C-alpha atoms as a PDB file:
ATOM      1  CA  MET A   1     126.760  84.539  55.491  1.00  0.00           C
ATOM      2  CA  ASP A   2     128.467  87.481  57.159  1.00  0.00           C
ATOM      3  CA  LEU A   3     128.310  87.214  60.955  1.00  0.00           C
ATOM      4  CA  SER A   4     130.709  90.051  61.668  1.00  0.00           C
ATOM      5  CA  PHE A   5     127.934  92.182  63.196  1.00  0.00           C
ATOM      6  CA  TYR A   6     127.710  89.776  66.141  1.00  0.00           C
ATOM      7  CA  LYS A   7     131.363  90.490  66.949  1.00  0.00           C
ATOM      8  CA  SER A   8     131.203  94.242  66.387  1.00  0.00           C
ATOM      9  CA  PRO A   9     131.562  96.841  69.180  1.00  0.00           C
ATOM     10  CA  LEU A  10     127.919  97.872  68.653  1.00  0.00           C
ATOM     11  CA  SER A  11     126.762  94.301  69.098  1.00  0.00           C
ATOM     12  CA  GLU A  12     128.867  93.960  72.253  1.00  0.00           C
ATOM     13  CA  GLU A  13     127.381  97.190  73.610  1.00  0.00           C
ATOM     14  CA  ILE A  14     123.833  95.996  72.937  1.00  0.00           C
ATOM     15  CA  ARG A  15     124.531  92.671  74.662  1.00  0.00           C
ATOM     16  CA  ASP A  16     126.118  94.430  77.657  1.00  0.00           C
ATOM     17  CA  GLU A  17     123.097  96.715  78.006  1.00  0.00           C
ATOM     18  CA  GLY A  18     120.765  93.720  77.870  1.00  0.00           C
ATOM     19  CA  ARG A  19     122.755  91.903  80.531  1.00  0.00           C
ATOM     20  CA  ALA A  20     122.735  94.959  82.798  1.00  0.00           C
ATOM     21  CA  GLU A  21     118.972  95.371  82.390  1.00  0.00           C
ATOM     22  CA  GLY A  22     118.473  91.690  83.163  1.00  0.00           C
ATOM     23  CA  ARG A  23     120.541  91.946  86.347  1.00  0.00           C
ATOM     24  CA  VAL A  24     118.556  94.980  87.535  1.00  0.00           C
ATOM     25  CA  GLU A  25     115.234  93.280  86.795  1.00  0.00           C
ATOM     26  CA  GLY A  26     116.407  90.161  88.602  1.00  0.00           C
ATOM     27  CA  ARG A  27     117.410  92.138  91.696  1.00  0.00           C
ATOM     28  CA  VAL A  28     114.076  93.952  91.760  1.00  0.00           C
ATOM     29  CA  GLU A  29     112.149  90.690  91.424  1.00  0.00           C
ATOM     30  CA  GLY A  30     114.269  89.161  94.180  1.00  0.00           C
ATOM     31  CA  ARG A  31     113.531  92.059  96.516  1.00  0.00           C
ATOM     32  CA  VAL A  32     109.803  91.827  95.868  1.00  0.00           C
ATOM     33  CA  GLU A  33     109.810  88.066  96.434  1.00  0.00           C
ATOM     34  CA  GLY A  34     111.780  88.559  99.646  1.00  0.00           C
ATOM     35  CA  ALA A  35     109.363  91.220 100.880  1.00  0.00           C
ATOM     36  CA  VAL A  36     106.374  88.992 100.117  1.00  0.00           C
ATOM     37  CA  LEU A  37     107.949  86.057 101.947  1.00  0.00           C
ATOM     38  CA  ARG A  38     108.769  88.250 104.932  1.00  0.00           C
ATOM     39  CA  ALA A  39     105.222  89.662 105.045  1.00  0.00           C
ATOM     40  CA  ALA A  40     103.733  86.156 105.111  1.00  0.00           C
ATOM     41  CA  GLU A  41     106.140  85.132 107.888  1.00  0.00           C
ATOM     42  CA  ASP A  42     105.210  88.248 109.877  1.00  0.00           C
ATOM     43  CA  ILE A  43     101.496  87.450 109.662  1.00  0.00           C
ATOM     44  CA  LEU A  44     102.090  83.919 110.890  1.00  0.00           C
ATOM     45  CA  ASP A  45     104.366  85.204 113.672  1.00  0.00           C
ATOM     46  CA  ILE A  46     101.733  87.646 114.888  1.00  0.00           C
ATOM     47  CA  LEU A  47      99.091  84.934 115.017  1.00  0.00           C
ATOM     48  CA  GLU A  48     101.430  82.509 116.785  1.00  0.00           C
ATOM     49  CA  VAL A  49     102.507  85.095 119.381  1.00  0.00           C
ATOM     50  CA  ARG A  50      98.854  85.878 120.032  1.00  0.00           C
ATOM     51  CA  GLY A  51      98.227  82.160 120.598  1.00  0.00           C
ATOM     52  CA  ILE A  52      95.846  81.863 117.669  1.00  0.00           C
ATOM     53  CA  ASP A  53      95.574  78.451 116.013  1.00  0.00           C
ATOM     54  CA  ILE A  54      96.502  78.519 112.321  1.00  0.00           C
ATOM     55  CA  PRO A  55      94.827  75.746 110.317  1.00  0.00           C
ATOM     56  CA  ASP A  56      96.922  74.292 107.499  1.00  0.00           C
ATOM     57  CA  ALA A  57      94.603  75.710 104.824  1.00  0.00           C
ATOM     58  CA  ILE A  58      94.980  79.234 106.235  1.00  0.00           C
ATOM     59  CA  ARG A  59      98.763  78.846 106.591  1.00  0.00           C
ATOM     60  CA  GLU A  60      98.988  77.693 102.973  1.00  0.00           C
ATOM     61  CA  ARG A  61      96.849  80.565 101.727  1.00  0.00           C
ATOM     62  CA  ILE A  62      99.050  83.079 103.546  1.00  0.00           C
ATOM     63  CA  THR A  63     102.345  81.543 102.425  1.00  0.00           C
ATOM     64  CA  THR A  64     101.276  81.203  98.784  1.00  0.00           C
ATOM     65  CA  CYS A  65      99.909  84.739  98.455  1.00  0.00           C
ATOM     66  CA  ASP A  66     102.114  86.830  96.171  1.00  0.00           C
ATOM     67  CA  ASN A  67     100.193  90.099  96.362  1.00  0.00           C
ATOM     68  CA  PRO A  68     101.944  92.636  98.636  1.00  0.00           C
ATOM     69  CA  GLU A  69      98.771  94.701  99.133  1.00  0.00           C
ATOM     70  CA  THR A  70      96.764  91.659 100.224  1.00  0.00           C
ATOM     71  CA  LEU A  71      99.518  90.651 102.627  1.00  0.00           C
ATOM     72  CA  ARG A  72      99.656  94.176 104.049  1.00  0.00           C
ATOM     73  CA  HIS A  73      95.895  94.066 104.613  1.00  0.00           C
ATOM     74  CA  TRP A  74      96.131  90.661 106.301  1.00  0.00           C
ATOM     75  CA  HIS A  75      99.049  91.865 108.423  1.00  0.00           C
ATOM     76  CA  ARG A  76      96.957  94.692 109.826  1.00  0.00           C
ATOM     77  CA  ARG A  77      94.051  92.342 110.495  1.00  0.00           C
ATOM     78  CA  ALA A  78      96.315  89.773 112.186  1.00  0.00           C
ATOM     79  CA  VAL A  79      96.916  92.234 115.014  1.00  0.00           C
ATOM     80  CA  THR A  80      93.263  92.303 116.110  1.00  0.00           C
ATOM     81  CA  ALA A  81      91.418  89.392 114.448  1.00  0.00           C
ATOM     82  CA  PRO A  82      90.052  86.826 116.933  1.00  0.00           C
ATOM     83  CA  THR A  83      90.807  83.878 114.610  1.00  0.00           C
ATOM     84  CA  ALA A  84      93.113  83.117 111.700  1.00  0.00           C
ATOM     85  CA  GLU A  85      90.067  82.756 109.477  1.00  0.00           C
ATOM     86  CA  ASP A  86      89.017  86.300 110.352  1.00  0.00           C
ATOM     87  CA  VAL A  87      92.366  87.612 109.123  1.00  0.00           C
ATOM     88  CA  LEU A  88      91.491  86.484 105.611  1.00  0.00           C
ATOM     89  CA  ASN A  89      87.798  87.423 105.665  1.00  0.00           C
ATOM     90  CA  ASP A  90      86.920  90.587 103.774  1.00  0.00           C
ATOM     91  CA  GLN A  91      84.420  91.979 106.262  1.00  0.00           C
END
């Protein structure tokens, strides 16, 4: 079986392109994950600074959310909501 293709310049180029794409995708995913984590921390910080009690179930729901739009919505609500539960309510 001839395996020379796997050592050819074309094969090397294809592998290099795949590696570069993988690195870019990994950086993008890392940035998104970092932004999501930061958003959750910001929501909790706002509630804590306002002196609002954060039940464990609410804290877990905030910290496990991976949807940036949902977190943005909750962040806005955290500024004025009277309770942590109200931050997550969709009213």
